[in-house]
Amino acid sequence: MADQKNILMLALDKKVEALRMASGLTLLDDVVSIATWGKLPEEKEVAEQMEALEFAEVPLVELDPAKDALAVLAQQIINSDVVYCV
């Protein structure tokens, strides 16, 4: 059995796609978390993915570029084994 990994999904440009990919990663035995650069759009597709992610208890952080977003993101990257940027 492989060691459990901490996976960070960073949603930059294609936020819905990043949420979909993170949802798929929950099928692994790894820990998945999500950080979005700015707010998520209020769309049906986002709501559908968020429902699955909330069920899987995947934490999501919305990074506010006007505040200390880079420091928070840097710490999340340091704490992760794998980072996907979408």
PDB file of N, CA and C in Angstrom:
ATOM      1  N   MET A   1       0.842  -1.194   0.000  1.00  0.00           N
ATOM      2  CA  MET A   1       0.000   0.000   0.000  1.00  0.00           C
ATOM      3  C   MET A   1       0.881   1.250   0.000  1.00  0.00           C
ATOM      4  N   ALA A   2       0.588   2.186  -0.870  1.00  0.00           N
ATOM      5  CA  ALA A   2       1.366   3.422  -0.985  1.00  0.00           C
ATOM      6  C   ALA A   2       0.981   4.398   0.128  1.00  0.00           C
ATOM      7  N   ASP A   3       1.909   5.297   0.415  1.00  0.00           N
ATOM      8  CA  ASP A   3       1.629   6.328   1.418  1.00  0.00           C
ATOM      9  C   ASP A   3       0.570   7.284   0.906  1.00  0.00           C
ATOM     10  N   GLN A   4      -0.232   7.788   1.840  1.00  0.00           N
ATOM     11  CA  GLN A   4      -1.268   8.752   1.482  1.00  0.00           C
ATOM     12  C   GLN A   4      -0.607  10.084   1.131  1.00  0.00           C
ATOM     13  N   LYS A   5      -1.058  10.702   0.070  1.00  0.00           N
ATOM     14  CA  LYS A   5      -0.505  11.977  -0.391  1.00  0.00           C
ATOM     15  C   LYS A   5      -1.494  13.110  -0.127  1.00  0.00           C
ATOM     16  N   ASN A   6      -0.962  14.299   0.036  1.00  0.00           N
ATOM     17  CA  ASN A   6      -1.777  15.508   0.137  1.00  0.00           C
ATOM     18  C   ASN A   6      -1.768  16.181  -1.225  1.00  0.00           C
ATOM     19  N   ILE A   7      -2.946  16.284  -1.849  1.00  0.00           N
ATOM     20  CA  ILE A   7      -3.076  16.842  -3.188  1.00  0.00           C
ATOM     21  C   ILE A   7      -3.796  18.183  -3.101  1.00  0.00           C
ATOM     22  N   LEU A   8      -3.196  19.203  -3.687  1.00  0.00           N
ATOM     23  CA  LEU A   8      -3.814  20.523  -3.764  1.00  0.00           C
ATOM     24  C   LEU A   8      -4.223  20.787  -5.200  1.00  0.00           C
ATOM     25  N   MET A   9      -5.476  21.105  -5.410  1.00  0.00           N
ATOM     26  CA  MET A   9      -5.981  21.507  -6.724  1.00  0.00           C
ATOM     27  C   MET A   9      -6.131  23.022  -6.685  1.00  0.00           C
ATOM     28  N   LEU A  10      -5.351  23.717  -7.500  1.00  0.00           N
ATOM     29  CA  LEU A  10      -5.414  25.173  -7.564  1.00  0.00           C
ATOM     30  C   LEU A  10      -6.235  25.568  -8.781  1.00  0.00           C
ATOM     31  N   ALA A  11      -7.393  26.154  -8.537  1.00  0.00           N
ATOM     32  CA  ALA A  11      -8.301  26.574  -9.609  1.00  0.00           C
ATOM     33  C   ALA A  11      -7.995  28.023  -9.978  1.00  0.00           C
ATOM     34  N   LEU A  12      -7.371  28.200 -11.143  1.00  0.00           N
ATOM     35  CA  LEU A  12      -6.992  29.532 -11.598  1.00  0.00           C
ATOM     36  C   LEU A  12      -7.911  30.031 -12.698  1.00  0.00           C
ATOM     37  N   ASP A  13      -7.784  29.445 -13.874  1.00  0.00           N
ATOM     38  CA  ASP A  13      -8.530  29.913 -15.041  1.00  0.00           C
ATOM     39  C   ASP A  13      -9.785  29.093 -15.312  1.00  0.00           C
ATOM     40  N   LYS A  14      -9.663  27.790 -15.269  1.00  0.00           N
ATOM     41  CA  LYS A  14     -10.786  26.892 -15.560  1.00  0.00           C
ATOM     42  C   LYS A  14     -11.295  26.294 -14.252  1.00  0.00           C
ATOM     43  N   LYS A  15     -12.006  27.109 -13.509  1.00  0.00           N
ATOM     44  CA  LYS A  15     -12.422  26.730 -12.158  1.00  0.00           C
ATOM     45  C   LYS A  15     -13.347  25.518 -12.136  1.00  0.00           C
ATOM     46  N   VAL A  16     -14.308  25.455 -13.045  1.00  0.00           N
ATOM     47  CA  VAL A  16     -15.234  24.315 -13.080  1.00  0.00           C
ATOM     48  C   VAL A  16     -14.469  23.033 -13.382  1.00  0.00           C
ATOM     49  N   GLU A  17     -13.543  23.096 -14.315  1.00  0.00           N
ATOM     50  CA  GLU A  17     -12.731  21.925 -14.665  1.00  0.00           C
ATOM     51  C   GLU A  17     -11.876  21.495 -13.478  1.00  0.00           C
ATOM     52  N   ALA A  18     -11.321  22.440 -12.752  1.00  0.00           N
ATOM     53  CA  ALA A  18     -10.520  22.114 -11.568  1.00  0.00           C
ATOM     54  C   ALA A  18     -11.374  21.424 -10.507  1.00  0.00           C
ATOM     55  N   LEU A  19     -12.606  21.893 -10.322  1.00  0.00           N
ATOM     56  CA  LEU A  19     -13.500  21.254  -9.350  1.00  0.00           C
ATOM     57  C   LEU A  19     -13.847  19.839  -9.789  1.00  0.00           C
ATOM     58  N   ARG A  20     -14.079  19.659 -11.084  1.00  0.00           N
ATOM     59  CA  ARG A  20     -14.391  18.335 -11.610  1.00  0.00           C
ATOM     60  C   ARG A  20     -13.221  17.381 -11.390  1.00  0.00           C
ATOM     61  N   MET A  21     -12.017  17.855 -11.658  1.00  0.00           N
ATOM     62  CA  MET A  21     -10.831  17.030 -11.468  1.00  0.00           C
ATOM     63  C   MET A  21     -10.633  16.690  -9.990  1.00  0.00           C
ATOM     64  N   ALA A  22     -10.838  17.649  -9.121  1.00  0.00           N
ATOM     65  CA  ALA A  22     -10.704  17.400  -7.678  1.00  0.00           C
ATOM     66  C   ALA A  22     -11.722  16.373  -7.219  1.00  0.00           C
ATOM     67  N   SER A  23     -12.920  16.461  -7.758  1.00  0.00           N
ATOM     68  CA  SER A  23     -13.958  15.488  -7.416  1.00  0.00           C
ATOM     69  C   SER A  23     -13.510  14.082  -7.803  1.00  0.00           C
ATOM     70  N   GLY A  24     -12.906  13.940  -8.967  1.00  0.00           N
ATOM     71  CA  GLY A  24     -12.394  12.652  -9.405  1.00  0.00           C
ATOM     72  C   GLY A  24     -11.264  12.151  -8.528  1.00  0.00           C
ATOM     73  N   LEU A  25     -10.424  13.052  -8.038  1.00  0.00           N
ATOM     74  CA  LEU A  25      -9.307  12.663  -7.189  1.00  0.00           C
ATOM     75  C   LEU A  25      -9.763  12.125  -5.833  1.00  0.00           C
ATOM     76  N   THR A  26     -10.995  12.437  -5.436  1.00  0.00           N
ATOM     77  CA  THR A  26     -11.493  11.928  -4.154  1.00  0.00           C
ATOM     78  C   THR A  26     -11.681  10.413  -4.185  1.00  0.00           C
ATOM     79  N   LEU A  27     -11.667   9.814  -5.367  1.00  0.00           N
ATOM     80  CA  LEU A  27     -11.798   8.363  -5.472  1.00  0.00           C
ATOM     81  C   LEU A  27     -10.529   7.652  -5.008  1.00  0.00           C
ATOM     82  N   LEU A  28      -9.425   8.367  -4.928  1.00  0.00           N
ATOM     83  CA  LEU A  28      -8.175   7.815  -4.422  1.00  0.00           C
ATOM     84  C   LEU A  28      -8.208   7.822  -2.900  1.00  0.00           C
ATOM     85  N   ASP A  29      -7.221   7.238  -2.294  1.00  0.00           N
ATOM     86  CA  ASP A  29      -7.128   7.264  -0.833  1.00  0.00           C
ATOM     87  C   ASP A  29      -6.294   8.439  -0.342  1.00  0.00           C
ATOM     88  N   ASP A  30      -6.119   9.434  -1.189  1.00  0.00           N
ATOM     89  CA  ASP A  30      -5.319  10.596  -0.844  1.00  0.00           C
ATOM     90  C   ASP A  30      -6.196  11.725  -0.307  1.00  0.00           C
ATOM     91  N   VAL A  31      -5.544  12.670   0.375  1.00  0.00           N
ATOM     92  CA  VAL A  31      -6.230  13.843   0.908  1.00  0.00           C
ATOM     93  C   VAL A  31      -6.243  14.911  -0.175  1.00  0.00           C
ATOM     94  N   VAL A  32      -7.418  15.424  -0.508  1.00  0.00           N
ATOM     95  CA  VAL A  32      -7.569  16.423  -1.563  1.00  0.00           C
ATOM     96  C   VAL A  32      -8.063  17.732  -0.950  1.00  0.00           C
ATOM     97  N   SER A  33      -7.480  18.843  -1.361  1.00  0.00           N
ATOM     98  CA  SER A  33      -7.968  20.167  -0.969  1.00  0.00           C
ATOM     99  C   SER A  33      -7.948  21.052  -2.208  1.00  0.00           C
ATOM    100  N   ILE A  34      -8.732  22.129  -2.147  1.00  0.00           N
ATOM    101  CA  ILE A  34      -8.871  23.031  -3.290  1.00  0.00           C
ATOM    102  C   ILE A  34      -8.616  24.467  -2.844  1.00  0.00           C
ATOM    103  N   ALA A  35      -7.893  25.199  -3.678  1.00  0.00           N
ATOM    104  CA  ALA A  35      -7.736  26.644  -3.499  1.00  0.00           C
ATOM    105  C   ALA A  35      -8.147  27.296  -4.811  1.00  0.00           C
ATOM    106  N   THR A  36      -8.973  28.316  -4.728  1.00  0.00           N
ATOM    107  CA  THR A  36      -9.381  29.047  -5.929  1.00  0.00           C
ATOM    108  C   THR A  36      -8.802  30.456  -5.871  1.00  0.00           C
ATOM    109  N   TRP A  37      -8.331  30.921  -7.026  1.00  0.00           N
ATOM    110  CA  TRP A  37      -7.826  32.291  -7.109  1.00  0.00           C
ATOM    111  C   TRP A  37      -9.023  33.185  -7.371  1.00  0.00           C
ATOM    112  N   GLY A  38      -9.510  33.841  -6.348  1.00  0.00           N
ATOM    113  CA  GLY A  38     -10.724  34.639  -6.437  1.00  0.00           C
ATOM    114  C   GLY A  38     -11.948  33.784  -6.152  1.00  0.00           C
ATOM    115  N   LYS A  39     -13.084  34.381  -6.293  1.00  0.00           N
ATOM    116  CA  LYS A  39     -14.353  33.702  -6.002  1.00  0.00           C
ATOM    117  C   LYS A  39     -14.733  32.736  -7.115  1.00  0.00           C
ATOM    118  N   LEU A  40     -15.474  31.710  -6.733  1.00  0.00           N
ATOM    119  CA  LEU A  40     -16.038  30.784  -7.713  1.00  0.00           C
ATOM    120  C   LEU A  40     -17.221  31.450  -8.399  1.00  0.00           C
ATOM    121  N   PRO A  41     -17.403  31.199  -9.673  1.00  0.00           N
ATOM    122  CA  PRO A  41     -18.574  31.765 -10.354  1.00  0.00           C
ATOM    123  C   PRO A  41     -19.853  31.100  -9.847  1.00  0.00           C
ATOM    124  N   GLU A  42     -20.921  31.843  -9.859  1.00  0.00           N
ATOM    125  CA  GLU A  42     -22.217  31.295  -9.436  1.00  0.00           C
ATOM    126  C   GLU A  42     -22.900  30.688 -10.652  1.00  0.00           C
ATOM    127  N   GLU A  43     -22.530  29.443 -10.947  1.00  0.00           N
ATOM    128  CA  GLU A  43     -23.056  28.725 -12.098  1.00  0.00           C
ATOM    129  C   GLU A  43     -23.577  27.365 -11.661  1.00  0.00           C
ATOM    130  N   LYS A  44     -24.466  26.818 -12.461  1.00  0.00           N
ATOM    131  CA  LYS A  44     -25.032  25.498 -12.180  1.00  0.00           C
ATOM    132  C   LYS A  44     -23.934  24.439 -12.099  1.00  0.00           C
ATOM    133  N   GLU A  45     -22.961  24.497 -13.012  1.00  0.00           N
ATOM    134  CA  GLU A  45     -21.887  23.507 -13.056  1.00  0.00           C
ATOM    135  C   GLU A  45     -21.051  23.542 -11.780  1.00  0.00           C
ATOM    136  N   VAL A  46     -20.814  24.731 -11.263  1.00  0.00           N
ATOM    137  CA  VAL A  46     -20.056  24.876 -10.016  1.00  0.00           C
ATOM    138  C   VAL A  46     -20.844  24.257  -8.864  1.00  0.00           C
ATOM    139  N   ALA A  47     -22.132  24.545  -8.804  1.00  0.00           N
ATOM    140  CA  ALA A  47     -22.976  24.009  -7.731  1.00  0.00           C
ATOM    141  C   ALA A  47     -22.993  22.484  -7.747  1.00  0.00           C
ATOM    142  N   GLU A  48     -23.045  21.895  -8.935  1.00  0.00           N
ATOM    143  CA  GLU A  48     -23.044  20.431  -9.049  1.00  0.00           C
ATOM    144  C   GLU A  48     -21.752  19.842  -8.511  1.00  0.00           C
ATOM    145  N   GLN A  49     -20.630  20.416  -8.889  1.00  0.00           N
ATOM    146  CA  GLN A  49     -19.346  19.903  -8.409  1.00  0.00           C
ATOM    147  C   GLN A  49     -19.171  20.138  -6.912  1.00  0.00           C
ATOM    148  N   MET A  50     -19.617  21.285  -6.439  1.00  0.00           N
ATOM    149  CA  MET A  50     -19.486  21.593  -5.013  1.00  0.00           C
ATOM    150  C   MET A  50     -20.306  20.634  -4.157  1.00  0.00           C
ATOM    151  N   GLU A  51     -21.431  20.186  -4.661  1.00  0.00           N
ATOM    152  CA  GLU A  51     -22.238  19.227  -3.923  1.00  0.00           C
ATOM    153  C   GLU A  51     -21.448  17.935  -3.683  1.00  0.00           C
ATOM    154  N   ALA A  52     -20.795  17.446  -4.718  1.00  0.00           N
ATOM    155  CA  ALA A  52     -19.988  16.226  -4.592  1.00  0.00           C
ATOM    156  C   ALA A  52     -18.785  16.465  -3.681  1.00  0.00           C
ATOM    157  N   LEU A  53     -18.145  17.608  -3.817  1.00  0.00           N
ATOM    158  CA  LEU A  53     -16.966  17.898  -3.014  1.00  0.00           C
ATOM    159  C   LEU A  53     -17.323  18.083  -1.536  1.00  0.00           C
ATOM    160  N   GLU A  54     -18.447  18.706  -1.260  1.00  0.00           N
ATOM    161  CA  GLU A  54     -18.890  18.857   0.122  1.00  0.00           C
ATOM    162  C   GLU A  54     -19.219  17.504   0.730  1.00  0.00           C
ATOM    163  N   PHE A  55     -19.825  16.611  -0.058  1.00  0.00           N
ATOM    164  CA  PHE A  55     -20.127  15.260   0.416  1.00  0.00           C
ATOM    165  C   PHE A  55     -18.835  14.530   0.773  1.00  0.00           C
ATOM    166  N   ALA A  56     -17.791  14.726  -0.016  1.00  0.00           N
ATOM    167  CA  ALA A  56     -16.495  14.086   0.233  1.00  0.00           C
ATOM    168  C   ALA A  56     -15.664  14.855   1.267  1.00  0.00           C
ATOM    169  N   GLU A  57     -16.195  15.941   1.794  1.00  0.00           N
ATOM    170  CA  GLU A  57     -15.549  16.774   2.811  1.00  0.00           C
ATOM    171  C   GLU A  57     -14.192  17.311   2.350  1.00  0.00           C
ATOM    172  N   VAL A  58     -14.174  17.786   1.104  1.00  0.00           N
ATOM    173  CA  VAL A  58     -12.964  18.384   0.546  1.00  0.00           C
ATOM    174  C   VAL A  58     -12.947  19.865   0.931  1.00  0.00           C
ATOM    175  N   PRO A  59     -11.912  20.314   1.644  1.00  0.00           N
ATOM    176  CA  PRO A  59     -11.852  21.731   2.025  1.00  0.00           C
ATOM    177  C   PRO A  59     -11.548  22.625   0.822  1.00  0.00           C
ATOM    178  N   LEU A  60     -12.171  23.787   0.804  1.00  0.00           N
ATOM    179  CA  LEU A  60     -11.985  24.753  -0.268  1.00  0.00           C
ATOM    180  C   LEU A  60     -11.666  26.111   0.334  1.00  0.00           C
ATOM    181  N   VAL A  61     -10.630  26.745  -0.205  1.00  0.00           N
ATOM    182  CA  VAL A  61     -10.245  28.085   0.230  1.00  0.00           C
ATOM    183  C   VAL A  61     -10.318  29.001  -0.977  1.00  0.00           C
ATOM    184  N   GLU A  62     -11.065  30.094  -0.852  1.00  0.00           N
ATOM    185  CA  GLU A  62     -11.104  31.111  -1.903  1.00  0.00           C
ATOM    186  C   GLU A  62     -10.062  32.163  -1.556  1.00  0.00           C
ATOM    187  N   LEU A  63      -9.025  32.246  -2.376  1.00  0.00           N
ATOM    188  CA  LEU A  63      -7.934  33.184  -2.135  1.00  0.00           C
ATOM    189  C   LEU A  63      -8.302  34.555  -2.681  1.00  0.00           C
ATOM    190  N   ASP A  64      -8.234  35.550  -1.834  1.00  0.00           N
ATOM    191  CA  ASP A  64      -8.557  36.922  -2.225  1.00  0.00           C
ATOM    192  C   ASP A  64      -7.271  37.623  -2.656  1.00  0.00           C
ATOM    193  N   PRO A  65      -7.122  37.903  -3.953  1.00  0.00           N
ATOM    194  CA  PRO A  65      -5.885  38.541  -4.432  1.00  0.00           C
ATOM    195  C   PRO A  65      -5.609  39.893  -3.775  1.00  0.00           C
ATOM    196  N   ALA A  66      -6.620  40.537  -3.228  1.00  0.00           N
ATOM    197  CA  ALA A  66      -6.439  41.844  -2.600  1.00  0.00           C
ATOM    198  C   ALA A  66      -5.865  41.721  -1.188  1.00  0.00           C
ATOM    199  N   LYS A  67      -5.866  40.510  -0.651  1.00  0.00           N
ATOM    200  CA  LYS A  67      -5.367  40.316   0.724  1.00  0.00           C
ATOM    201  C   LYS A  67      -4.081  39.505   0.690  1.00  0.00           C
ATOM    202  N   ASP A  68      -3.889  38.637   1.652  1.00  0.00           N
ATOM    203  CA  ASP A  68      -2.649  37.868   1.771  1.00  0.00           C
ATOM    204  C   ASP A  68      -2.720  36.537   1.029  1.00  0.00           C
ATOM    205  N   ALA A  69      -3.270  36.544  -0.168  1.00  0.00           N
ATOM    206  CA  ALA A  69      -3.488  35.316  -0.930  1.00  0.00           C
ATOM    207  C   ALA A  69      -2.186  34.577  -1.232  1.00  0.00           C
ATOM    208  N   LEU A  70      -1.155  35.281  -1.582  1.00  0.00           N
ATOM    209  CA  LEU A  70       0.101  34.621  -1.940  1.00  0.00           C
ATOM    210  C   LEU A  70       0.722  33.900  -0.746  1.00  0.00           C
ATOM    211  N   ALA A  71       0.645  34.485   0.430  1.00  0.00           N
ATOM    212  CA  ALA A  71       1.194  33.832   1.623  1.00  0.00           C
ATOM    213  C   ALA A  71       0.406  32.573   1.962  1.00  0.00           C
ATOM    214  N   VAL A  72      -0.910  32.656   1.870  1.00  0.00           N
ATOM    215  CA  VAL A  72      -1.758  31.486   2.141  1.00  0.00           C
ATOM    216  C   VAL A  72      -1.489  30.394   1.113  1.00  0.00           C
ATOM    217  N   LEU A  73      -1.415  30.766  -0.150  1.00  0.00           N
ATOM    218  CA  LEU A  73      -1.152  29.799  -1.212  1.00  0.00           C
ATOM    219  C   LEU A  73       0.226  29.162  -1.041  1.00  0.00           C
ATOM    220  N   ALA A  74       1.219  29.947  -0.719  1.00  0.00           N
ATOM    221  CA  ALA A  74       2.570  29.415  -0.526  1.00  0.00           C
ATOM    222  C   ALA A  74       2.580  28.360   0.574  1.00  0.00           C
ATOM    223  N   GLN A  75       1.882  28.615   1.660  1.00  0.00           N
ATOM    224  CA  GLN A  75       1.826  27.644   2.754  1.00  0.00           C
ATOM    225  C   GLN A  75       1.106  26.370   2.324  1.00  0.00           C
ATOM    226  N   GLN A  76       0.033  26.508   1.547  1.00  0.00           N
ATOM    227  CA  GLN A  76      -0.680  25.328   1.064  1.00  0.00           C
ATOM    228  C   GLN A  76       0.210  24.502   0.140  1.00  0.00           C
ATOM    229  N   ILE A  77       0.983  25.153  -0.697  1.00  0.00           N
ATOM    230  CA  ILE A  77       1.882  24.441  -1.609  1.00  0.00           C
ATOM    231  C   ILE A  77       2.950  23.692  -0.812  1.00  0.00           C
ATOM    232  N   ILE A  78       3.507  24.337   0.185  1.00  0.00           N
ATOM    233  CA  ILE A  78       4.525  23.702   1.020  1.00  0.00           C
ATOM    234  C   ILE A  78       3.967  22.455   1.709  1.00  0.00           C
ATOM    235  N   ASN A  79       2.709  22.510   2.134  1.00  0.00           N
ATOM    236  CA  ASN A  79       2.085  21.402   2.855  1.00  0.00           C
ATOM    237  C   ASN A  79       1.590  20.283   1.934  1.00  0.00           C
ATOM    238  N   SER A  80       1.713  20.453   0.641  1.00  0.00           N
ATOM    239  CA  SER A  80       1.186  19.484  -0.329  1.00  0.00           C
ATOM    240  C   SER A  80       2.310  18.648  -0.939  1.00  0.00           C
ATOM    241  N   ASP A  81       1.957  17.417  -1.289  1.00  0.00           N
ATOM    242  CA  ASP A  81       2.884  16.543  -2.006  1.00  0.00           C
ATOM    243  C   ASP A  81       2.773  16.756  -3.507  1.00  0.00           C
ATOM    244  N   VAL A  82       1.548  17.055  -3.959  1.00  0.00           N
ATOM    245  CA  VAL A  82       1.252  17.242  -5.374  1.00  0.00           C
ATOM    246  C   VAL A  82       0.375  18.480  -5.510  1.00  0.00           C
ATOM    247  N   VAL A  83       0.667  19.328  -6.518  1.00  0.00           N
ATOM    248  CA  VAL A  83      -0.144  20.518  -6.788  1.00  0.00           C
ATOM    249  C   VAL A  83      -0.524  20.512  -8.254  1.00  0.00           C
ATOM    250  N   TYR A  84      -1.823  20.602  -8.525  1.00  0.00           N
ATOM    251  CA  TYR A  84      -2.326  20.725  -9.891  1.00  0.00           C
ATOM    252  C   TYR A  84      -2.849  22.140 -10.061  1.00  0.00           C
ATOM    253  N   CYS A  85      -2.435  22.816 -11.126  1.00  0.00           N
ATOM    254  CA  CYS A  85      -2.909  24.171 -11.438  1.00  0.00           C
ATOM    255  C   CYS A  85      -3.736  24.096 -12.716  1.00  0.00           C
ATOM    256  N   VAL A  86      -4.997  24.471 -12.613  1.00  0.00           N
ATOM    257  CA  VAL A  86      -5.894  24.403 -13.764  1.00  0.00           C
ATOM    258  C   VAL A  86      -6.506  25.769 -13.983  1.00  0.00           C
TER     259      VAL A  86
END
